[in-house]
Amino acid sequence: MRAAVADLQDEDFARPSGCAGWLVRDLVCHLVIDAQDVLITLVTPVEEEPTRDAVTYWNVAQTPPTGEDPLDALIVRLAAAYQEPRLLKFHLDDVGSAAGRAAELADPGLRVGTQDQVLTAGDYLDAYVLEWTLHHLDLIAHLPDAAEPPAEGLARTREMLEKIAGAAFPASFADTDVLLVGTGRRAPTDAEQAELGEVAAQLPLVLG
């Protein structure tokens, strides 16, 4: 995703993203904060037993965000303060690469605390595979020439989303379609709706 952001043109930052109420620049700013959270969490070990894993970490709702949440509004103001896209690119690459190195060095069995929950570092990072794969799709929602998420990330995210749903999506659905339809990022076509069967009643899965 850092590479996808690095390849964006300046004018792309003013385009809408797949997140309601956010431009691409706002989403990139959110990714910077995500990377900071990863760094903070991985150096904050705890002694308690895990209370969540990569699947149960997520709170599931069926109402998509409106973009009017106070924290969402703060992201918009913070992103605007960067003024130049190159500064956002630099900050994401700087903090994001550090978060990546920290993830590679982390003991997967290390217990870490975040949002009043305890996870192993491995489960915590798996949860971020889901988070960042979905946000990569948000990043390129209106940028058809931008690089797509890696296939292994899409497959792993589909696997986790199906566990969250407690049901498998039709095998005919591509991984990207599962993620977009499953999380309400786009509505299913009539044909997809018919194929979804009973799973359709659970959608969208809004993860928070």
N, C-alpha and C. Protein backbone atom coordinates (compact mmCIF):
# COMPACT_ATOMS: atom_id res chain seq x y z
N MET A 1 0.83 -1.19 0.00
CA MET A 1 0.00 0.00 0.00
C MET A 1 0.87 1.25 0.00
N ARG A 2 2.02 1.21 0.70
CA ARG A 2 2.93 2.35 0.65
C ARG A 2 3.36 2.63 -0.78
N ALA A 3 3.59 1.58 -1.55
CA ALA A 3 3.99 1.77 -2.95
C ALA A 3 2.84 2.36 -3.75
N ALA A 4 1.61 1.91 -3.47
CA ALA A 4 0.45 2.44 -4.20
C ALA A 4 0.28 3.93 -3.92
N VAL A 5 0.49 4.33 -2.66
CA VAL A 5 0.38 5.76 -2.32
C VAL A 5 1.52 6.54 -2.96
N ALA A 6 2.71 5.99 -2.95
CA ALA A 6 3.87 6.68 -3.53
C ALA A 6 3.67 6.95 -5.02
N ASP A 7 2.90 6.08 -5.69
CA ASP A 7 2.70 6.21 -7.14
C ASP A 7 1.55 7.16 -7.49
N LEU A 8 0.82 7.65 -6.51
CA LEU A 8 -0.30 8.55 -6.80
C LEU A 8 0.19 9.89 -7.34
N GLN A 9 -0.60 10.47 -8.21
CA GLN A 9 -0.34 11.81 -8.69
C GLN A 9 -0.93 12.81 -7.67
N ASP A 10 -0.40 14.02 -7.66
CA ASP A 10 -0.87 15.00 -6.69
C ASP A 10 -2.39 15.20 -6.77
N GLU A 11 -2.92 15.21 -7.98
CA GLU A 11 -4.36 15.46 -8.13
C GLU A 11 -5.20 14.31 -7.59
N ASP A 12 -4.61 13.13 -7.47
CA ASP A 12 -5.35 11.98 -6.94
C ASP A 12 -5.74 12.17 -5.48
N PHE A 13 -4.97 12.95 -4.74
CA PHE A 13 -5.23 13.13 -3.32
C PHE A 13 -6.53 13.89 -3.07
N ALA A 14 -7.02 14.61 -4.07
CA ALA A 14 -8.26 15.37 -3.93
C ALA A 14 -9.47 14.58 -4.43
N ARG A 15 -9.26 13.35 -4.87
CA ARG A 15 -10.37 12.52 -5.34
C ARG A 15 -11.03 11.83 -4.14
N PRO A 16 -12.29 11.42 -4.30
CA PRO A 16 -12.94 10.69 -3.20
C PRO A 16 -12.31 9.32 -3.00
N SER A 17 -12.33 8.85 -1.78
CA SER A 17 -11.89 7.49 -1.48
C SER A 17 -13.13 6.62 -1.29
N GLY A 18 -12.92 5.37 -0.95
CA GLY A 18 -14.04 4.47 -0.68
C GLY A 18 -14.61 4.63 0.71
N CYS A 19 -14.06 5.52 1.52
CA CYS A 19 -14.57 5.79 2.88
C CYS A 19 -15.49 7.00 2.84
N ALA A 20 -16.70 6.85 3.35
CA ALA A 20 -17.68 7.94 3.30
C ALA A 20 -17.13 9.20 3.94
N GLY A 21 -17.18 10.31 3.19
CA GLY A 21 -16.77 11.60 3.71
C GLY A 21 -15.27 11.87 3.64
N TRP A 22 -14.49 10.92 3.16
CA TRP A 22 -13.04 11.09 3.11
C TRP A 22 -12.54 11.15 1.67
N LEU A 23 -11.65 12.11 1.43
CA LEU A 23 -10.89 12.13 0.19
C LEU A 23 -9.71 11.16 0.35
N VAL A 24 -9.01 10.93 -0.75
CA VAL A 24 -7.82 10.07 -0.70
C VAL A 24 -6.82 10.61 0.32
N ARG A 25 -6.65 11.93 0.37
CA ARG A 25 -5.67 12.49 1.31
C ARG A 25 -6.07 12.19 2.76
N ASP A 26 -7.37 12.17 3.04
CA ASP A 26 -7.83 11.88 4.39
C ASP A 26 -7.54 10.42 4.74
N LEU A 27 -7.77 9.54 3.79
CA LEU A 27 -7.49 8.12 4.02
C LEU A 27 -6.00 7.90 4.25
N VAL A 28 -5.15 8.54 3.47
CA VAL A 28 -3.71 8.38 3.64
C VAL A 28 -3.28 8.89 5.02
N CYS A 29 -3.88 9.97 5.47
CA CYS A 29 -3.59 10.49 6.81
C CYS A 29 -4.00 9.46 7.86
N HIS A 30 -5.14 8.83 7.68
CA HIS A 30 -5.59 7.78 8.59
C HIS A 30 -4.58 6.62 8.61
N LEU A 31 -4.01 6.30 7.46
CA LEU A 31 -3.03 5.21 7.39
C LEU A 31 -1.76 5.56 8.17
N VAL A 32 -1.39 6.83 8.15
CA VAL A 32 -0.25 7.28 8.96
C VAL A 32 -0.52 7.00 10.43
N ILE A 33 -1.72 7.35 10.88
CA ILE A 33 -2.08 7.15 12.29
C ILE A 33 -2.15 5.66 12.61
N ASP A 34 -2.66 4.86 11.68
CA ASP A 34 -2.66 3.40 11.85
C ASP A 34 -1.24 2.88 12.07
N ALA A 35 -0.32 3.33 11.24
CA ALA A 35 1.07 2.87 11.35
C ALA A 35 1.67 3.28 12.70
N GLN A 36 1.34 4.47 13.16
CA GLN A 36 1.79 4.90 14.49
C GLN A 36 1.22 3.99 15.57
N ASP A 37 -0.05 3.62 15.42
CA ASP A 37 -0.68 2.72 16.39
C ASP A 37 0.02 1.37 16.43
N VAL A 38 0.42 0.86 15.27
CA VAL A 38 1.13 -0.41 15.22
C VAL A 38 2.45 -0.30 15.99
N LEU A 39 3.19 0.76 15.75
CA LEU A 39 4.46 0.96 16.45
C LEU A 39 4.24 1.04 17.96
N ILE A 40 3.26 1.80 18.39
CA ILE A 40 2.99 1.96 19.82
C ILE A 40 2.59 0.62 20.44
N THR A 41 1.70 -0.09 19.77
CA THR A 41 1.17 -1.34 20.33
C THR A 41 2.26 -2.41 20.44
N LEU A 42 3.10 -2.52 19.43
CA LEU A 42 4.12 -3.57 19.43
C LEU A 42 5.20 -3.35 20.48
N VAL A 43 5.33 -2.14 20.98
CA VAL A 43 6.31 -1.89 22.04
C VAL A 43 5.62 -1.68 23.39
N THR A 44 4.37 -2.15 23.48
CA THR A 44 3.62 -2.04 24.73
C THR A 44 3.13 -3.44 25.14
N PRO A 45 4.04 -4.33 25.51
CA PRO A 45 3.63 -5.69 25.91
C PRO A 45 2.86 -5.68 27.22
N VAL A 46 2.01 -6.68 27.39
CA VAL A 46 1.23 -6.83 28.62
C VAL A 46 1.36 -8.27 29.10
N GLU A 47 1.01 -8.49 30.37
CA GLU A 47 1.13 -9.82 30.97
C GLU A 47 -0.17 -10.60 30.90
N GLU A 48 -1.30 -9.91 30.72
CA GLU A 48 -2.60 -10.58 30.77
C GLU A 48 -2.76 -11.59 29.63
N GLU A 49 -3.67 -12.51 29.83
CA GLU A 49 -4.01 -13.48 28.79
C GLU A 49 -4.81 -12.79 27.68
N PRO A 50 -4.68 -13.26 26.44
CA PRO A 50 -5.44 -12.66 25.33
C PRO A 50 -6.95 -12.73 25.57
N THR A 51 -7.63 -11.66 25.23
CA THR A 51 -9.08 -11.60 25.32
C THR A 51 -9.74 -11.66 23.94
N ARG A 52 -8.97 -11.40 22.89
CA ARG A 52 -9.49 -11.42 21.52
C ARG A 52 -8.45 -12.06 20.60
N ASP A 53 -8.89 -12.47 19.41
CA ASP A 53 -7.98 -12.87 18.36
C ASP A 53 -8.24 -12.02 17.12
N ALA A 54 -7.65 -12.38 15.98
CA ALA A 54 -7.77 -11.54 14.79
C ALA A 54 -9.20 -11.44 14.28
N VAL A 55 -10.03 -12.41 14.60
CA VAL A 55 -11.43 -12.41 14.16
C VAL A 55 -12.32 -11.73 15.19
N THR A 56 -12.19 -12.12 16.46
CA THR A 56 -13.07 -11.55 17.50
C THR A 56 -12.66 -10.13 17.88
N TYR A 57 -11.52 -9.68 17.39
CA TYR A 57 -11.08 -8.29 17.61
C TYR A 57 -12.12 -7.30 17.09
N TRP A 58 -12.84 -7.67 16.04
CA TRP A 58 -13.71 -6.72 15.35
C TRP A 58 -15.09 -6.66 15.97
N ASN A 59 -15.58 -5.43 16.15
CA ASN A 59 -16.98 -5.20 16.50
C ASN A 59 -17.75 -5.03 15.19
N VAL A 60 -18.85 -5.73 15.07
CA VAL A 60 -19.59 -5.76 13.80
C VAL A 60 -20.91 -5.02 13.94
N ALA A 61 -21.14 -4.10 13.03
CA ALA A 61 -22.42 -3.39 12.95
C ALA A 61 -22.95 -3.57 11.52
N GLN A 62 -24.16 -3.11 11.28
CA GLN A 62 -24.71 -3.19 9.93
C GLN A 62 -25.04 -1.80 9.39
N THR A 63 -24.57 -0.78 10.09
CA THR A 63 -24.79 0.59 9.64
C THR A 63 -23.46 1.20 9.22
N PRO A 64 -23.26 1.50 7.95
CA PRO A 64 -22.00 2.08 7.51
C PRO A 64 -21.75 3.44 8.15
N PRO A 65 -20.49 3.81 8.37
CA PRO A 65 -20.20 5.13 8.94
C PRO A 65 -20.60 6.24 7.97
N THR A 66 -20.92 7.38 8.53
CA THR A 66 -21.36 8.52 7.71
C THR A 66 -20.23 9.50 7.44
N GLY A 67 -19.12 9.35 8.17
CA GLY A 67 -18.02 10.30 8.05
C GLY A 67 -18.18 11.48 8.98
N GLU A 68 -19.24 11.49 9.81
CA GLU A 68 -19.50 12.62 10.71
C GLU A 68 -19.00 12.39 12.13
N ASP A 69 -18.40 11.22 12.40
CA ASP A 69 -17.83 10.95 13.71
C ASP A 69 -16.75 11.99 14.03
N PRO A 70 -16.64 12.45 15.30
CA PRO A 70 -15.64 13.47 15.64
C PRO A 70 -14.21 13.09 15.26
N LEU A 71 -13.85 11.82 15.44
CA LEU A 71 -12.50 11.40 15.07
C LEU A 71 -12.32 11.45 13.56
N ASP A 72 -13.34 11.06 12.81
CA ASP A 72 -13.27 11.15 11.35
C ASP A 72 -13.07 12.60 10.91
N ALA A 73 -13.79 13.52 11.57
CA ALA A 73 -13.67 14.94 11.24
C ALA A 73 -12.28 15.46 11.58
N LEU A 74 -11.69 14.95 12.66
CA LEU A 74 -10.33 15.35 13.03
C LEU A 74 -9.34 14.92 11.96
N ILE A 75 -9.52 13.72 11.42
CA ILE A 75 -8.64 13.22 10.36
C ILE A 75 -8.67 14.17 9.16
N VAL A 76 -9.86 14.64 8.81
CA VAL A 76 -10.00 15.54 7.66
C VAL A 76 -9.21 16.83 7.90
N ARG A 77 -9.32 17.39 9.11
CA ARG A 77 -8.59 18.63 9.41
C ARG A 77 -7.08 18.40 9.43
N LEU A 78 -6.68 17.27 9.98
CA LEU A 78 -5.26 16.96 10.05
C LEU A 78 -4.67 16.74 8.65
N ALA A 79 -5.41 16.05 7.80
CA ALA A 79 -4.95 15.81 6.42
C ALA A 79 -4.79 17.12 5.67
N ALA A 80 -5.72 18.05 5.87
CA ALA A 80 -5.65 19.35 5.18
C ALA A 80 -4.42 20.14 5.62
N ALA A 81 -3.98 19.92 6.87
CA ALA A 81 -2.83 20.66 7.39
C ALA A 81 -1.53 20.28 6.68
N TYR A 82 -1.50 19.12 6.05
CA TYR A 82 -0.30 18.73 5.32
C TYR A 82 -0.08 19.61 4.09
N GLN A 83 -1.16 20.09 3.49
CA GLN A 83 -1.13 21.01 2.36
C GLN A 83 -0.56 20.39 1.08
N GLU A 84 0.61 19.78 1.15
CA GLU A 84 1.24 19.21 -0.05
C GLU A 84 1.22 17.69 0.01
N PRO A 85 0.74 17.02 -1.04
CA PRO A 85 0.69 15.56 -1.06
C PRO A 85 2.03 14.90 -0.77
N ARG A 86 3.12 15.53 -1.20
CA ARG A 86 4.43 14.90 -1.00
C ARG A 86 4.74 14.74 0.49
N LEU A 87 4.21 15.63 1.33
CA LEU A 87 4.45 15.52 2.76
C LEU A 87 3.71 14.32 3.35
N LEU A 88 2.49 14.08 2.88
CA LEU A 88 1.76 12.89 3.31
C LEU A 88 2.46 11.63 2.82
N LYS A 89 2.91 11.64 1.58
CA LYS A 89 3.63 10.48 1.05
C LYS A 89 4.85 10.18 1.91
N PHE A 90 5.62 11.23 2.24
CA PHE A 90 6.83 11.04 3.02
C PHE A 90 6.51 10.49 4.40
N HIS A 91 5.49 11.05 5.05
CA HIS A 91 5.18 10.63 6.41
C HIS A 91 4.68 9.18 6.43
N LEU A 92 3.85 8.80 5.46
CA LEU A 92 3.38 7.41 5.41
C LEU A 92 4.54 6.46 5.14
N ASP A 93 5.41 6.81 4.23
CA ASP A 93 6.54 5.93 3.93
C ASP A 93 7.46 5.81 5.14
N ASP A 94 7.68 6.92 5.83
CA ASP A 94 8.58 6.94 6.98
C ASP A 94 8.03 6.09 8.13
N VAL A 95 6.80 6.40 8.54
CA VAL A 95 6.21 5.68 9.68
C VAL A 95 5.78 4.27 9.26
N GLY A 96 5.28 4.14 8.03
CA GLY A 96 4.83 2.84 7.56
C GLY A 96 5.95 1.84 7.43
N SER A 97 7.10 2.27 6.94
CA SER A 97 8.24 1.35 6.81
C SER A 97 8.74 0.95 8.19
N ALA A 98 8.71 1.87 9.16
CA ALA A 98 9.11 1.54 10.52
C ALA A 98 8.15 0.52 11.13
N ALA A 99 6.85 0.71 10.89
CA ALA A 99 5.86 -0.25 11.40
C ALA A 99 6.07 -1.62 10.76
N GLY A 100 6.43 -1.64 9.49
CA GLY A 100 6.69 -2.90 8.82
C GLY A 100 7.89 -3.62 9.41
N ARG A 101 8.95 -2.88 9.71
CA ARG A 101 10.13 -3.49 10.33
C ARG A 101 9.80 -4.01 11.73
N ALA A 102 9.03 -3.23 12.48
CA ALA A 102 8.64 -3.67 13.82
C ALA A 102 7.81 -4.95 13.76
N ALA A 103 6.94 -5.04 12.76
CA ALA A 103 6.11 -6.24 12.60
C ALA A 103 6.97 -7.46 12.28
N GLU A 104 7.98 -7.28 11.44
CA GLU A 104 8.85 -8.40 11.09
C GLU A 104 9.66 -8.88 12.29
N LEU A 105 10.01 -7.97 13.18
CA LEU A 105 10.84 -8.30 14.34
C LEU A 105 10.02 -8.82 15.52
N ALA A 106 8.73 -8.59 15.52
CA ALA A 106 7.89 -8.94 16.67
C ALA A 106 7.74 -10.45 16.83
N ASP A 107 7.76 -10.90 18.07
CA ASP A 107 7.44 -12.29 18.40
C ASP A 107 5.94 -12.48 18.25
N PRO A 108 5.47 -13.37 17.37
CA PRO A 108 4.03 -13.53 17.17
C PRO A 108 3.28 -13.88 18.45
N GLY A 109 3.98 -14.50 19.41
CA GLY A 109 3.32 -14.89 20.66
C GLY A 109 3.30 -13.80 21.71
N LEU A 110 3.98 -12.69 21.45
CA LEU A 110 3.98 -11.57 22.39
C LEU A 110 2.57 -11.07 22.62
N ARG A 111 2.20 -10.80 23.86
CA ARG A 111 0.87 -10.29 24.15
C ARG A 111 0.91 -8.76 24.22
N VAL A 112 0.00 -8.14 23.51
CA VAL A 112 -0.02 -6.68 23.43
C VAL A 112 -1.42 -6.18 23.75
N GLY A 113 -1.49 -4.93 24.21
CA GLY A 113 -2.77 -4.34 24.56
C GLY A 113 -3.15 -3.22 23.61
N THR A 114 -4.42 -3.20 23.21
CA THR A 114 -4.94 -2.14 22.36
C THR A 114 -6.45 -2.06 22.55
N GLN A 115 -6.98 -0.85 22.63
CA GLN A 115 -8.42 -0.62 22.77
C GLN A 115 -9.02 -1.45 23.90
N ASP A 116 -8.31 -1.52 25.03
CA ASP A 116 -8.76 -2.25 26.21
C ASP A 116 -8.91 -3.75 25.98
N GLN A 117 -8.21 -4.26 24.98
CA GLN A 117 -8.21 -5.69 24.71
C GLN A 117 -6.77 -6.20 24.67
N VAL A 118 -6.61 -7.51 24.82
CA VAL A 118 -5.29 -8.13 24.75
C VAL A 118 -5.30 -9.15 23.62
N LEU A 119 -4.29 -9.06 22.76
CA LEU A 119 -4.12 -10.01 21.66
C LEU A 119 -2.66 -10.45 21.62
N THR A 120 -2.40 -11.56 20.95
CA THR A 120 -1.02 -11.84 20.61
C THR A 120 -0.62 -10.89 19.48
N ALA A 121 0.68 -10.63 19.37
CA ALA A 121 1.14 -9.76 18.28
C ALA A 121 0.76 -10.34 16.93
N GLY A 122 0.80 -11.68 16.82
CA GLY A 122 0.42 -12.31 15.55
C GLY A 122 -1.02 -12.03 15.17
N ASP A 123 -1.93 -12.15 16.14
CA ASP A 123 -3.34 -11.87 15.86
C ASP A 123 -3.56 -10.39 15.59
N TYR A 124 -2.87 -9.55 16.34
CA TYR A 124 -2.99 -8.11 16.14
C TYR A 124 -2.59 -7.73 14.72
N LEU A 125 -1.48 -8.28 14.24
CA LEU A 125 -1.02 -7.96 12.89
C LEU A 125 -1.93 -8.58 11.84
N ASP A 126 -2.50 -9.75 12.13
CA ASP A 126 -3.48 -10.33 11.21
C ASP A 126 -4.69 -9.42 11.07
N ALA A 127 -5.13 -8.83 12.20
CA ALA A 127 -6.26 -7.90 12.14
C ALA A 127 -5.93 -6.71 11.24
N TYR A 128 -4.66 -6.30 11.25
CA TYR A 128 -4.26 -5.18 10.40
C TYR A 128 -4.14 -5.60 8.93
N VAL A 129 -3.92 -6.87 8.66
CA VAL A 129 -4.00 -7.33 7.27
C VAL A 129 -5.39 -7.04 6.72
N LEU A 130 -6.39 -7.35 7.53
CA LEU A 130 -7.77 -7.07 7.11
C LEU A 130 -7.99 -5.56 6.97
N GLU A 131 -7.59 -4.82 8.00
CA GLU A 131 -7.77 -3.35 7.99
C GLU A 131 -7.14 -2.72 6.77
N TRP A 132 -5.90 -3.04 6.50
CA TRP A 132 -5.18 -2.36 5.43
C TRP A 132 -5.55 -2.88 4.04
N THR A 133 -5.96 -4.14 3.96
CA THR A 133 -6.44 -4.62 2.66
C THR A 133 -7.72 -3.91 2.26
N LEU A 134 -8.63 -3.77 3.23
CA LEU A 134 -9.87 -3.03 2.93
C LEU A 134 -9.57 -1.57 2.59
N HIS A 135 -8.64 -0.97 3.33
CA HIS A 135 -8.32 0.43 3.05
C HIS A 135 -7.56 0.59 1.74
N HIS A 136 -6.84 -0.44 1.33
CA HIS A 136 -6.21 -0.37 0.00
C HIS A 136 -7.30 -0.31 -1.07
N LEU A 137 -8.35 -1.11 -0.88
CA LEU A 137 -9.48 -1.04 -1.82
C LEU A 137 -10.16 0.32 -1.76
N ASP A 138 -10.25 0.91 -0.56
CA ASP A 138 -10.80 2.26 -0.43
C ASP A 138 -9.93 3.27 -1.17
N LEU A 139 -8.63 3.09 -1.06
CA LEU A 139 -7.68 4.02 -1.69
C LEU A 139 -7.89 4.09 -3.19
N ILE A 140 -8.12 2.94 -3.82
CA ILE A 140 -8.17 2.89 -5.28
C ILE A 140 -9.61 2.87 -5.81
N ALA A 141 -10.58 3.12 -4.94
CA ALA A 141 -11.99 3.01 -5.34
C ALA A 141 -12.32 3.85 -6.57
N HIS A 142 -11.69 5.02 -6.69
CA HIS A 142 -11.95 5.91 -7.83
C HIS A 142 -10.67 6.19 -8.61
N LEU A 143 -9.72 5.25 -8.50
CA LEU A 143 -8.43 5.36 -9.19
C LEU A 143 -8.18 4.06 -9.94
N PRO A 144 -8.82 3.88 -11.08
CA PRO A 144 -8.76 2.59 -11.78
C PRO A 144 -7.37 2.16 -12.21
N ASP A 145 -6.42 3.08 -12.31
CA ASP A 145 -5.08 2.71 -12.75
C ASP A 145 -4.12 2.42 -11.59
N ALA A 146 -4.59 2.58 -10.36
CA ALA A 146 -3.72 2.36 -9.19
C ALA A 146 -3.53 0.88 -8.93
N ALA A 147 -2.42 0.55 -8.28
CA ALA A 147 -2.10 -0.84 -7.98
C ALA A 147 -3.11 -1.43 -7.00
N GLU A 148 -3.50 -2.68 -7.23
CA GLU A 148 -4.45 -3.36 -6.37
C GLU A 148 -3.74 -4.03 -5.20
N PRO A 149 -4.47 -4.43 -4.16
CA PRO A 149 -3.85 -5.14 -3.05
C PRO A 149 -3.26 -6.47 -3.53
N PRO A 150 -2.22 -6.98 -2.86
CA PRO A 150 -1.65 -8.27 -3.25
C PRO A 150 -2.66 -9.40 -3.07
N ALA A 151 -2.55 -10.40 -3.92
CA ALA A 151 -3.52 -11.51 -3.93
C ALA A 151 -3.56 -12.23 -2.58
N GLU A 152 -2.39 -12.41 -1.94
CA GLU A 152 -2.39 -13.14 -0.67
C GLU A 152 -3.11 -12.36 0.43
N GLY A 153 -3.00 -11.02 0.38
CA GLY A 153 -3.72 -10.21 1.35
C GLY A 153 -5.22 -10.28 1.14
N LEU A 154 -5.65 -10.26 -0.12
CA LEU A 154 -7.08 -10.38 -0.43
C LEU A 154 -7.62 -11.73 0.04
N ALA A 155 -6.86 -12.80 -0.22
CA ALA A 155 -7.32 -14.14 0.17
C ALA A 155 -7.40 -14.27 1.69
N ARG A 156 -6.38 -13.77 2.39
CA ARG A 156 -6.39 -13.86 3.86
C ARG A 156 -7.53 -13.03 4.44
N THR A 157 -7.79 -11.86 3.87
CA THR A 157 -8.87 -11.01 4.37
C THR A 157 -10.22 -11.65 4.11
N ARG A 158 -10.38 -12.28 2.96
CA ARG A 158 -11.63 -13.00 2.69
C ARG A 158 -11.83 -14.10 3.73
N GLU A 159 -10.76 -14.83 4.02
CA GLU A 159 -10.85 -15.91 5.01
C GLU A 159 -11.32 -15.39 6.36
N MET A 160 -10.75 -14.26 6.80
CA MET A 160 -11.14 -13.70 8.08
C MET A 160 -12.57 -13.16 8.05
N LEU A 161 -12.96 -12.53 6.94
CA LEU A 161 -14.32 -11.98 6.84
C LEU A 161 -15.35 -13.11 6.87
N GLU A 162 -15.03 -14.23 6.25
CA GLU A 162 -15.95 -15.37 6.29
C GLU A 162 -16.07 -15.93 7.70
N LYS A 163 -14.98 -15.90 8.46
CA LYS A 163 -15.06 -16.35 9.86
C LYS A 163 -15.90 -15.38 10.68
N ILE A 164 -15.74 -14.08 10.41
CA ILE A 164 -16.55 -13.08 11.11
C ILE A 164 -18.03 -13.28 10.78
N ALA A 165 -18.31 -13.57 9.52
CA ALA A 165 -19.70 -13.78 9.09
C ALA A 165 -20.25 -15.12 9.57
N GLY A 166 -19.36 -16.07 9.85
CA GLY A 166 -19.79 -17.40 10.24
C GLY A 166 -20.33 -18.19 9.07
N ALA A 167 -19.96 -17.78 7.86
CA ALA A 167 -20.44 -18.45 6.64
C ALA A 167 -19.52 -18.13 5.49
N ALA A 168 -19.43 -19.05 4.55
CA ALA A 168 -18.61 -18.84 3.36
C ALA A 168 -19.41 -18.10 2.29
N PHE A 169 -18.74 -17.22 1.58
CA PHE A 169 -19.34 -16.58 0.42
C PHE A 169 -19.26 -17.53 -0.76
N PRO A 170 -20.11 -17.36 -1.76
CA PRO A 170 -20.08 -18.26 -2.92
C PRO A 170 -18.68 -18.34 -3.55
N ALA A 171 -18.29 -19.54 -3.94
CA ALA A 171 -16.97 -19.74 -4.54
C ALA A 171 -16.82 -18.96 -5.84
N SER A 172 -17.92 -18.63 -6.47
CA SER A 172 -17.88 -17.89 -7.73
C SER A 172 -17.47 -16.43 -7.52
N PHE A 173 -17.55 -15.94 -6.31
CA PHE A 173 -17.18 -14.56 -6.01
C PHE A 173 -15.67 -14.42 -5.95
N ALA A 174 -15.12 -13.47 -6.69
CA ALA A 174 -13.70 -13.15 -6.54
C ALA A 174 -13.47 -12.56 -5.15
N ASP A 175 -12.24 -12.67 -4.65
CA ASP A 175 -11.94 -12.17 -3.31
C ASP A 175 -12.30 -10.69 -3.16
N THR A 176 -11.95 -9.89 -4.18
CA THR A 176 -12.25 -8.46 -4.11
C THR A 176 -13.75 -8.22 -3.99
N ASP A 177 -14.56 -8.96 -4.74
CA ASP A 177 -16.01 -8.80 -4.68
C ASP A 177 -16.56 -9.20 -3.32
N VAL A 178 -16.01 -10.25 -2.74
CA VAL A 178 -16.42 -10.66 -1.39
C VAL A 178 -16.20 -9.50 -0.41
N LEU A 179 -15.03 -8.88 -0.49
CA LEU A 179 -14.69 -7.82 0.46
C LEU A 179 -15.54 -6.57 0.23
N LEU A 180 -15.74 -6.21 -1.02
CA LEU A 180 -16.52 -5.01 -1.31
C LEU A 180 -17.99 -5.19 -0.96
N VAL A 181 -18.56 -6.32 -1.36
CA VAL A 181 -19.98 -6.57 -1.08
C VAL A 181 -20.17 -6.89 0.39
N GLY A 182 -19.27 -7.71 0.94
CA GLY A 182 -19.43 -8.15 2.32
C GLY A 182 -19.37 -7.02 3.33
N THR A 183 -18.59 -5.99 3.04
CA THR A 183 -18.46 -4.87 3.98
C THR A 183 -19.29 -3.66 3.56
N GLY A 184 -20.13 -3.83 2.55
CA GLY A 184 -21.02 -2.74 2.16
C GLY A 184 -20.36 -1.66 1.33
N ARG A 185 -19.19 -1.96 0.80
CA ARG A 185 -18.52 -0.95 -0.03
C ARG A 185 -19.16 -0.83 -1.41
N ARG A 186 -19.87 -1.84 -1.82
CA ARG A 186 -20.76 -1.72 -2.98
C ARG A 186 -21.92 -2.67 -2.79
N ALA A 187 -23.03 -2.36 -3.44
CA ALA A 187 -24.21 -3.21 -3.35
C ALA A 187 -24.05 -4.42 -4.27
N PRO A 188 -24.57 -5.57 -3.88
CA PRO A 188 -24.50 -6.73 -4.78
C PRO A 188 -25.41 -6.54 -5.98
N THR A 189 -25.01 -7.12 -7.09
CA THR A 189 -25.90 -7.14 -8.25
C THR A 189 -27.05 -8.10 -7.94
N ASP A 190 -28.06 -8.09 -8.79
CA ASP A 190 -29.19 -9.01 -8.59
C ASP A 190 -28.72 -10.45 -8.60
N ALA A 191 -27.80 -10.75 -9.53
CA ALA A 191 -27.29 -12.13 -9.63
C ALA A 191 -26.50 -12.49 -8.38
N GLU A 192 -25.67 -11.57 -7.90
CA GLU A 192 -24.90 -11.83 -6.69
C GLU A 192 -25.82 -12.01 -5.48
N GLN A 193 -26.86 -11.17 -5.41
CA GLN A 193 -27.81 -11.27 -4.30
C GLN A 193 -28.43 -12.65 -4.26
N ALA A 194 -28.78 -13.18 -5.43
CA ALA A 194 -29.39 -14.51 -5.49
C ALA A 194 -28.40 -15.58 -5.06
N GLU A 195 -27.14 -15.44 -5.48
CA GLU A 195 -26.11 -16.41 -5.10
C GLU A 195 -25.79 -16.38 -3.62
N LEU A 196 -25.89 -15.21 -3.01
CA LEU A 196 -25.54 -15.07 -1.60
C LEU A 196 -26.46 -15.87 -0.69
N GLY A 197 -27.70 -16.02 -1.10
CA GLY A 197 -28.63 -16.81 -0.30
C GLY A 197 -28.80 -16.24 1.10
N GLU A 198 -28.69 -17.11 2.13
CA GLU A 198 -28.92 -16.69 3.50
C GLU A 198 -27.86 -15.72 4.01
N VAL A 199 -26.67 -15.75 3.41
CA VAL A 199 -25.60 -14.85 3.84
C VAL A 199 -26.01 -13.39 3.65
N ALA A 200 -26.84 -13.13 2.64
CA ALA A 200 -27.23 -11.76 2.32
C ALA A 200 -27.90 -11.05 3.50
N ALA A 201 -28.58 -11.82 4.35
CA ALA A 201 -29.30 -11.22 5.48
C ALA A 201 -28.35 -10.62 6.50
N GLN A 202 -27.08 -11.07 6.51
CA GLN A 202 -26.10 -10.58 7.48
C GLN A 202 -25.36 -9.33 6.99
N LEU A 203 -25.56 -8.98 5.73
CA LEU A 203 -24.75 -7.92 5.13
C LEU A 203 -25.44 -6.56 5.20
N PRO A 204 -24.64 -5.49 5.24
CA PRO A 204 -23.18 -5.48 5.22
C PRO A 204 -22.58 -5.73 6.61
N LEU A 205 -21.36 -6.24 6.64
CA LEU A 205 -20.61 -6.41 7.88
C LEU A 205 -19.73 -5.16 8.03
N VAL A 206 -20.14 -4.25 8.87
CA VAL A 206 -19.41 -3.01 9.08
C VAL A 206 -18.49 -3.23 10.28
N LEU A 207 -17.20 -3.22 10.02
CA LEU A 207 -16.21 -3.58 11.04
C LEU A 207 -15.64 -2.35 11.72
N GLY A 208 -15.60 -2.39 13.03
CA GLY A 208 -15.05 -1.28 13.77
C GLY A 208 -14.30 -1.75 15.01
